[in-house]
Amino acid sequence: MINIDWDEYKEHKKYSGKNDNFEILIDFMKSYYNIVSSSEMYETFSNDDIALMMLEKRGISSAEALEDYIFKLR
């Protein structure tokens, strides 16, 4: 299982053109950890307190819901 490196996330965030922290986190997971699977990303998020708060704030409670959220970002 992957632990999110929040220091690297903060570095990534500095150069992101986005304002939403959760969207930045999704991009970070794709670029830094090379994770594109919504189920793997959801599992990682659900095991991290900060990322879990981000999921709950958006009402995302499953990998499928995360996949739908990511699809709507495109």
PDB file of N, CA and C in Angstrom:
ATOM      1  N   MET A   1       0.841  -1.186   0.000  1.00  0.00           N
ATOM      2  CA  MET A   1       0.000   0.000   0.000  1.00  0.00           C
ATOM      3  C   MET A   1       0.884   1.247   0.000  1.00  0.00           C
ATOM      4  N   ILE A   2       0.412   2.272  -0.646  1.00  0.00           N
ATOM      5  CA  ILE A   2       1.141   3.526  -0.784  1.00  0.00           C
ATOM      6  C   ILE A   2       0.714   4.504   0.312  1.00  0.00           C
ATOM      7  N   ASN A   3       1.682   5.160   0.900  1.00  0.00           N
ATOM      8  CA  ASN A   3       1.407   6.275   1.803  1.00  0.00           C
ATOM      9  C   ASN A   3       1.656   7.562   1.025  1.00  0.00           C
ATOM     10  N   ILE A   4       0.714   8.468   1.070  1.00  0.00           N
ATOM     11  CA  ILE A   4       0.838   9.716   0.324  1.00  0.00           C
ATOM     12  C   ILE A   4       1.935  10.573   0.948  1.00  0.00           C
ATOM     13  N   ASP A   5       2.853  11.014   0.116  1.00  0.00           N
ATOM     14  CA  ASP A   5       3.939  11.892   0.554  1.00  0.00           C
ATOM     15  C   ASP A   5       3.431  13.336   0.451  1.00  0.00           C
ATOM     16  N   TRP A   6       2.947  13.864   1.556  1.00  0.00           N
ATOM     17  CA  TRP A   6       2.302  15.175   1.550  1.00  0.00           C
ATOM     18  C   TRP A   6       3.301  16.303   1.286  1.00  0.00           C
ATOM     19  N   ASP A   7       4.568  16.093   1.600  1.00  0.00           N
ATOM     20  CA  ASP A   7       5.577  17.112   1.277  1.00  0.00           C
ATOM     21  C   ASP A   7       5.753  17.218  -0.236  1.00  0.00           C
ATOM     22  N   GLU A   8       5.795  16.080  -0.907  1.00  0.00           N
ATOM     23  CA  GLU A   8       5.887  16.093  -2.374  1.00  0.00           C
ATOM     24  C   GLU A   8       4.609  16.656  -2.991  1.00  0.00           C
ATOM     25  N   TYR A   9       3.470  16.357  -2.373  1.00  0.00           N
ATOM     26  CA  TYR A   9       2.202  16.916  -2.833  1.00  0.00           C
ATOM     27  C   TYR A   9       2.247  18.446  -2.797  1.00  0.00           C
ATOM     28  N   LYS A  10       2.775  18.993  -1.713  1.00  0.00           N
ATOM     29  CA  LYS A  10       2.866  20.453  -1.588  1.00  0.00           C
ATOM     30  C   LYS A  10       3.750  21.048  -2.675  1.00  0.00           C
ATOM     31  N   GLU A  11       4.829  20.356  -3.022  1.00  0.00           N
ATOM     32  CA  GLU A  11       5.691  20.807  -4.120  1.00  0.00           C
ATOM     33  C   GLU A  11       4.927  20.760  -5.433  1.00  0.00           C
ATOM     34  N   HIS A  12       4.206  19.683  -5.654  1.00  0.00           N
ATOM     35  CA  HIS A  12       3.405  19.520  -6.867  1.00  0.00           C
ATOM     36  C   HIS A  12       2.338  20.620  -6.961  1.00  0.00           C
ATOM     37  N   LYS A  13       1.749  20.931  -5.840  1.00  0.00           N
ATOM     38  CA  LYS A  13       0.675  21.924  -5.775  1.00  0.00           C
ATOM     39  C   LYS A  13       1.166  23.307  -6.200  1.00  0.00           C
ATOM     40  N   LYS A  14       2.409  23.624  -5.890  1.00  0.00           N
ATOM     41  CA  LYS A  14       2.970  24.936  -6.251  1.00  0.00           C
ATOM     42  C   LYS A  14       2.924  25.182  -7.753  1.00  0.00           C
ATOM     43  N   TYR A  15       3.057  24.119  -8.532  1.00  0.00           N
ATOM     44  CA  TYR A  15       3.146  24.250  -9.983  1.00  0.00           C
ATOM     45  C   TYR A  15       1.872  23.838 -10.711  1.00  0.00           C
ATOM     46  N   SER A  16       0.860  23.522  -9.941  1.00  0.00           N
ATOM     47  CA  SER A  16      -0.425  23.149 -10.533  1.00  0.00           C
ATOM     48  C   SER A  16      -1.227  24.407 -10.843  1.00  0.00           C
ATOM     49  N   GLY A  17      -1.906  24.392 -11.946  1.00  0.00           N
ATOM     50  CA  GLY A  17      -2.742  25.523 -12.313  1.00  0.00           C
ATOM     51  C   GLY A  17      -4.152  25.423 -11.750  1.00  0.00           C
ATOM     52  N   LYS A  18      -4.392  24.412 -10.944  1.00  0.00           N
ATOM     53  CA  LYS A  18      -5.734  24.183 -10.400  1.00  0.00           C
ATOM     54  C   LYS A  18      -5.849  24.774  -9.004  1.00  0.00           C
ATOM     55  N   ASN A  19      -7.091  25.052  -8.608  1.00  0.00           N
ATOM     56  CA  ASN A  19      -7.358  25.623  -7.287  1.00  0.00           C
ATOM     57  C   ASN A  19      -7.915  24.606  -6.299  1.00  0.00           C
ATOM     58  N   ASP A  20      -8.506  23.543  -6.781  1.00  0.00           N
ATOM     59  CA  ASP A  20      -9.136  22.545  -5.925  1.00  0.00           C
ATOM     60  C   ASP A  20      -8.094  21.534  -5.441  1.00  0.00           C
ATOM     61  N   ASN A  21      -7.920  21.425  -4.131  1.00  0.00           N
ATOM     62  CA  ASN A  21      -6.910  20.535  -3.557  1.00  0.00           C
ATOM     63  C   ASN A  21      -7.125  19.067  -3.922  1.00  0.00           C
ATOM     64  N   PHE A  22      -8.379  18.652  -4.041  1.00  0.00           N
ATOM     65  CA  PHE A  22      -8.657  17.257  -4.373  1.00  0.00           C
ATOM     66  C   PHE A  22      -8.283  16.960  -5.820  1.00  0.00           C
ATOM     67  N   GLU A  23      -8.582  17.879  -6.728  1.00  0.00           N
ATOM     68  CA  GLU A  23      -8.185  17.700  -8.123  1.00  0.00           C
ATOM     69  C   GLU A  23      -6.668  17.664  -8.244  1.00  0.00           C
ATOM     70  N   ILE A  24      -6.006  18.497  -7.470  1.00  0.00           N
ATOM     71  CA  ILE A  24      -4.544  18.495  -7.462  1.00  0.00           C
ATOM     72  C   ILE A  24      -4.030  17.161  -6.933  1.00  0.00           C
ATOM     73  N   LEU A  25      -4.676  16.628  -5.890  1.00  0.00           N
ATOM     74  CA  LEU A  25      -4.274  15.335  -5.330  1.00  0.00           C
ATOM     75  C   LEU A  25      -4.434  14.223  -6.361  1.00  0.00           C
ATOM     76  N   ILE A  26      -5.501  14.238  -7.103  1.00  0.00           N
ATOM     77  CA  ILE A  26      -5.716  13.226  -8.141  1.00  0.00           C
ATOM     78  C   ILE A  26      -4.612  13.312  -9.190  1.00  0.00           C
ATOM     79  N   ASP A  27      -4.296  14.530  -9.653  1.00  0.00           N
ATOM     80  CA  ASP A  27      -3.208  14.707 -10.614  1.00  0.00           C
ATOM     81  C   ASP A  27      -1.872  14.256 -10.039  1.00  0.00           C
ATOM     82  N   PHE A  28      -1.656  14.563  -8.756  1.00  0.00           N
ATOM     83  CA  PHE A  28      -0.430  14.164  -8.080  1.00  0.00           C
ATOM     84  C   PHE A  28      -0.300  12.643  -8.048  1.00  0.00           C
ATOM     85  N   MET A  29      -1.373  11.959  -7.731  1.00  0.00           N
ATOM     86  CA  MET A  29      -1.340  10.496  -7.677  1.00  0.00           C
ATOM     87  C   MET A  29      -1.018   9.912  -9.052  1.00  0.00           C
ATOM     88  N   LYS A  30      -1.555  10.529 -10.082  1.00  0.00           N
ATOM     89  CA  LYS A  30      -1.300  10.055 -11.445  1.00  0.00           C
ATOM     90  C   LYS A  30       0.147  10.292 -11.849  1.00  0.00           C
ATOM     91  N   SER A  31       0.671  11.457 -11.523  1.00  0.00           N
ATOM     92  CA  SER A  31       2.014  11.782 -11.992  1.00  0.00           C
ATOM     93  C   SER A  31       3.117  11.250 -11.080  1.00  0.00           C
ATOM     94  N   TYR A  32       2.987  11.396  -9.774  1.00  0.00           N
ATOM     95  CA  TYR A  32       4.047  11.014  -8.852  1.00  0.00           C
ATOM     96  C   TYR A  32       4.090   9.502  -8.617  1.00  0.00           C
ATOM     97  N   TYR A  33       2.925   8.893  -8.447  1.00  0.00           N
ATOM     98  CA  TYR A  33       2.859   7.465  -8.158  1.00  0.00           C
ATOM     99  C   TYR A  33       2.472   6.619  -9.374  1.00  0.00           C
ATOM    100  N   ASN A  34       2.144   7.282 -10.471  1.00  0.00           N
ATOM    101  CA  ASN A  34       1.743   6.609 -11.706  1.00  0.00           C
ATOM    102  C   ASN A  34       0.527   5.701 -11.483  1.00  0.00           C
ATOM    103  N   ILE A  35      -0.411   6.183 -10.689  1.00  0.00           N
ATOM    104  CA  ILE A  35      -1.645   5.441 -10.419  1.00  0.00           C
ATOM    105  C   ILE A  35      -2.761   6.009 -11.298  1.00  0.00           C
ATOM    106  N   VAL A  36      -3.349   5.161 -12.098  1.00  0.00           N
ATOM    107  CA  VAL A  36      -4.483   5.581 -12.915  1.00  0.00           C
ATOM    108  C   VAL A  36      -5.746   4.790 -12.576  1.00  0.00           C
ATOM    109  N   SER A  37      -5.589   3.719 -11.846  1.00  0.00           N
ATOM    110  CA  SER A  37      -6.723   2.892 -11.448  1.00  0.00           C
ATOM    111  C   SER A  37      -7.499   3.587 -10.331  1.00  0.00           C
ATOM    112  N   SER A  38      -8.775   3.792 -10.564  1.00  0.00           N
ATOM    113  CA  SER A  38      -9.589   4.457  -9.541  1.00  0.00           C
ATOM    114  C   SER A  38      -9.715   3.597  -8.283  1.00  0.00           C
ATOM    115  N   SER A  39      -9.707   2.276  -8.438  1.00  0.00           N
ATOM    116  CA  SER A  39      -9.807   1.420  -7.253  1.00  0.00           C
ATOM    117  C   SER A  39      -8.538   1.501  -6.409  1.00  0.00           C
ATOM    118  N   GLU A  40      -7.373   1.529  -7.038  1.00  0.00           N
ATOM    119  CA  GLU A  40      -6.116   1.661  -6.298  1.00  0.00           C
ATOM    120  C   GLU A  40      -6.019   3.045  -5.647  1.00  0.00           C
ATOM    121  N   MET A  41      -6.461   4.068  -6.390  1.00  0.00           N
ATOM    122  CA  MET A  41      -6.436   5.426  -5.857  1.00  0.00           C
ATOM    123  C   MET A  41      -7.405   5.544  -4.673  1.00  0.00           C
ATOM    124  N   TYR A  42      -8.586   4.974  -4.793  1.00  0.00           N
ATOM    125  CA  TYR A  42      -9.568   5.030  -3.709  1.00  0.00           C
ATOM    126  C   TYR A  42      -9.037   4.319  -2.464  1.00  0.00           C
ATOM    127  N   GLU A  43      -8.415   3.168  -2.654  1.00  0.00           N
ATOM    128  CA  GLU A  43      -7.860   2.428  -1.519  1.00  0.00           C
ATOM    129  C   GLU A  43      -6.787   3.260  -0.807  1.00  0.00           C
ATOM    130  N   THR A  44      -5.938   3.914  -1.581  1.00  0.00           N
ATOM    131  CA  THR A  44      -4.898   4.765  -1.005  1.00  0.00           C
ATOM    132  C   THR A  44      -5.523   5.929  -0.246  1.00  0.00           C
ATOM    133  N   PHE A  45      -6.511   6.573  -0.859  1.00  0.00           N
ATOM    134  CA  PHE A  45      -7.176   7.718  -0.225  1.00  0.00           C
ATOM    135  C   PHE A  45      -7.894   7.304   1.059  1.00  0.00           C
ATOM    136  N   SER A  46      -8.555   6.163   1.027  1.00  0.00           N
ATOM    137  CA  SER A  46      -9.343   5.750   2.188  1.00  0.00           C
ATOM    138  C   SER A  46      -8.470   5.337   3.376  1.00  0.00           C
ATOM    139  N   ASN A  47      -7.183   5.109   3.136  1.00  0.00           N
ATOM    140  CA  ASN A  47      -6.257   4.765   4.210  1.00  0.00           C
ATOM    141  C   ASN A  47      -5.431   5.949   4.688  1.00  0.00           C
ATOM    142  N   ASP A  48      -5.773   7.140   4.225  1.00  0.00           N
ATOM    143  CA  ASP A  48      -5.071   8.355   4.629  1.00  0.00           C
ATOM    144  C   ASP A  48      -6.095   9.332   5.201  1.00  0.00           C
ATOM    145  N   ASP A  49      -5.847   9.855   6.383  1.00  0.00           N
ATOM    146  CA  ASP A  49      -6.829  10.710   7.066  1.00  0.00           C
ATOM    147  C   ASP A  49      -7.202  11.952   6.263  1.00  0.00           C
ATOM    148  N   ILE A  50      -6.230  12.634   5.704  1.00  0.00           N
ATOM    149  CA  ILE A  50      -6.496  13.874   4.964  1.00  0.00           C
ATOM    150  C   ILE A  50      -7.254  13.571   3.676  1.00  0.00           C
ATOM    151  N   ALA A  51      -6.774  12.586   2.934  1.00  0.00           N
ATOM    152  CA  ALA A  51      -7.439  12.221   1.681  1.00  0.00           C
ATOM    153  C   ALA A  51      -8.849  11.698   1.944  1.00  0.00           C
ATOM    154  N   LEU A  52      -9.018  10.975   3.048  1.00  0.00           N
ATOM    155  CA  LEU A  52     -10.346  10.473   3.403  1.00  0.00           C
ATOM    156  C   LEU A  52     -11.310  11.630   3.662  1.00  0.00           C
ATOM    157  N   MET A  53     -10.830  12.670   4.322  1.00  0.00           N
ATOM    158  CA  MET A  53     -11.677  13.865   4.529  1.00  0.00           C
ATOM    159  C   MET A  53     -12.085  14.476   3.194  1.00  0.00           C
ATOM    160  N   MET A  54     -11.166  14.498   2.235  1.00  0.00           N
ATOM    161  CA  MET A  54     -11.472  15.044   0.908  1.00  0.00           C
ATOM    162  C   MET A  54     -12.539  14.205   0.215  1.00  0.00           C
ATOM    163  N   LEU A  55     -12.434  12.893   0.339  1.00  0.00           N
ATOM    164  CA  LEU A  55     -13.453  12.008  -0.243  1.00  0.00           C
ATOM    165  C   LEU A  55     -14.815  12.260   0.398  1.00  0.00           C
ATOM    166  N   GLU A  56     -14.833  12.302   1.727  1.00  0.00           N
ATOM    167  CA  GLU A  56     -16.098  12.484   2.451  1.00  0.00           C
ATOM    168  C   GLU A  56     -16.727  13.826   2.129  1.00  0.00           C
ATOM    169  N   LYS A  57     -15.919  14.852   1.979  1.00  0.00           N
ATOM    170  CA  LYS A  57     -16.433  16.186   1.654  1.00  0.00           C
ATOM    171  C   LYS A  57     -17.197  16.175   0.329  1.00  0.00           C
ATOM    172  N   ARG A  58     -16.768  15.312  -0.582  1.00  0.00           N
ATOM    173  CA  ARG A  58     -17.394  15.242  -1.902  1.00  0.00           C
ATOM    174  C   ARG A  58     -18.399  14.106  -2.011  1.00  0.00           C
ATOM    175  N   GLY A  59     -18.633  13.391  -0.912  1.00  0.00           N
ATOM    176  CA  GLY A  59     -19.611  12.303  -0.899  1.00  0.00           C
ATOM    177  C   GLY A  59     -19.166  11.091  -1.691  1.00  0.00           C
ATOM    178  N   ILE A  60     -17.871  10.895  -1.817  1.00  0.00           N
ATOM    179  CA  ILE A  60     -17.337   9.757  -2.566  1.00  0.00           C
ATOM    180  C   ILE A  60     -17.098   8.615  -1.577  1.00  0.00           C
ATOM    181  N   SER A  61     -17.821   7.518  -1.785  1.00  0.00           N
ATOM    182  CA  SER A  61     -17.742   6.410  -0.833  1.00  0.00           C
ATOM    183  C   SER A  61     -17.364   5.082  -1.477  1.00  0.00           C
ATOM    184  N   SER A  62     -16.940   5.129  -2.735  1.00  0.00           N
ATOM    185  CA  SER A  62     -16.523   3.893  -3.408  1.00  0.00           C
ATOM    186  C   SER A  62     -15.581   4.236  -4.557  1.00  0.00           C
ATOM    187  N   ALA A  63     -14.896   3.212  -5.040  1.00  0.00           N
ATOM    188  CA  ALA A  63     -13.996   3.400  -6.180  1.00  0.00           C
ATOM    189  C   ALA A  63     -14.785   3.819  -7.427  1.00  0.00           C
ATOM    190  N   GLU A  64     -15.991   3.303  -7.559  1.00  0.00           N
ATOM    191  CA  GLU A  64     -16.828   3.650  -8.706  1.00  0.00           C
ATOM    192  C   GLU A  64     -17.230   5.128  -8.662  1.00  0.00           C
ATOM    193  N   ALA A  65     -17.552   5.610  -7.473  1.00  0.00           N
ATOM    194  CA  ALA A  65     -17.911   7.019  -7.318  1.00  0.00           C
ATOM    195  C   ALA A  65     -16.705   7.908  -7.623  1.00  0.00           C
ATOM    196  N   LEU A  66     -15.515   7.471  -7.221  1.00  0.00           N
ATOM    197  CA  LEU A  66     -14.303   8.220  -7.538  1.00  0.00           C
ATOM    198  C   LEU A  66     -14.066   8.227  -9.039  1.00  0.00           C
ATOM    199  N   GLU A  67     -14.285   7.094  -9.677  1.00  0.00           N
ATOM    200  CA  GLU A  67     -14.123   7.009 -11.134  1.00  0.00           C
ATOM    201  C   GLU A  67     -15.089   7.971 -11.831  1.00  0.00           C
ATOM    202  N   ASP A  68     -16.335   8.034 -11.374  1.00  0.00           N
ATOM    203  CA  ASP A  68     -17.306   8.963 -11.939  1.00  0.00           C
ATOM    204  C   ASP A  68     -16.854  10.405 -11.750  1.00  0.00           C
ATOM    205  N   TYR A  69     -16.335  10.719 -10.578  1.00  0.00           N
ATOM    206  CA  TYR A  69     -15.845  12.071 -10.271  1.00  0.00           C
ATOM    207  C   TYR A  69     -14.694  12.440 -11.205  1.00  0.00           C
ATOM    208  N   ILE A  70     -13.758  11.522 -11.386  1.00  0.00           N
ATOM    209  CA  ILE A  70     -12.618  11.787 -12.259  1.00  0.00           C
ATOM    210  C   ILE A  70     -13.079  11.955 -13.698  1.00  0.00           C
ATOM    211  N   PHE A  71     -14.041  11.149 -14.126  1.00  0.00           N
ATOM    212  CA  PHE A  71     -14.564  11.245 -15.494  1.00  0.00           C
ATOM    213  C   PHE A  71     -15.190  12.617 -15.735  1.00  0.00           C
ATOM    214  N   LYS A  72     -15.880  13.160 -14.738  1.00  0.00           N
ATOM    215  CA  LYS A  72     -16.526  14.461 -14.879  1.00  0.00           C
ATOM    216  C   LYS A  72     -15.525  15.597 -14.934  1.00  0.00           C
ATOM    217  N   LEU A  73     -14.293  15.367 -14.455  1.00  0.00           N
ATOM    218  CA  LEU A  73     -13.263  16.393 -14.494  1.00  0.00           C
ATOM    219  C   LEU A  73     -12.736  16.632 -15.897  1.00  0.00           C
ATOM    220  N   ARG A  74     -12.878  15.670 -16.749  1.00  0.00           N
ATOM    221  CA  ARG A  74     -12.328  15.782 -18.109  1.00  0.00           C
ATOM    222  C   ARG A  74     -13.069  16.761 -18.940  1.00  0.00           C
TER     223      ARG A  74
END
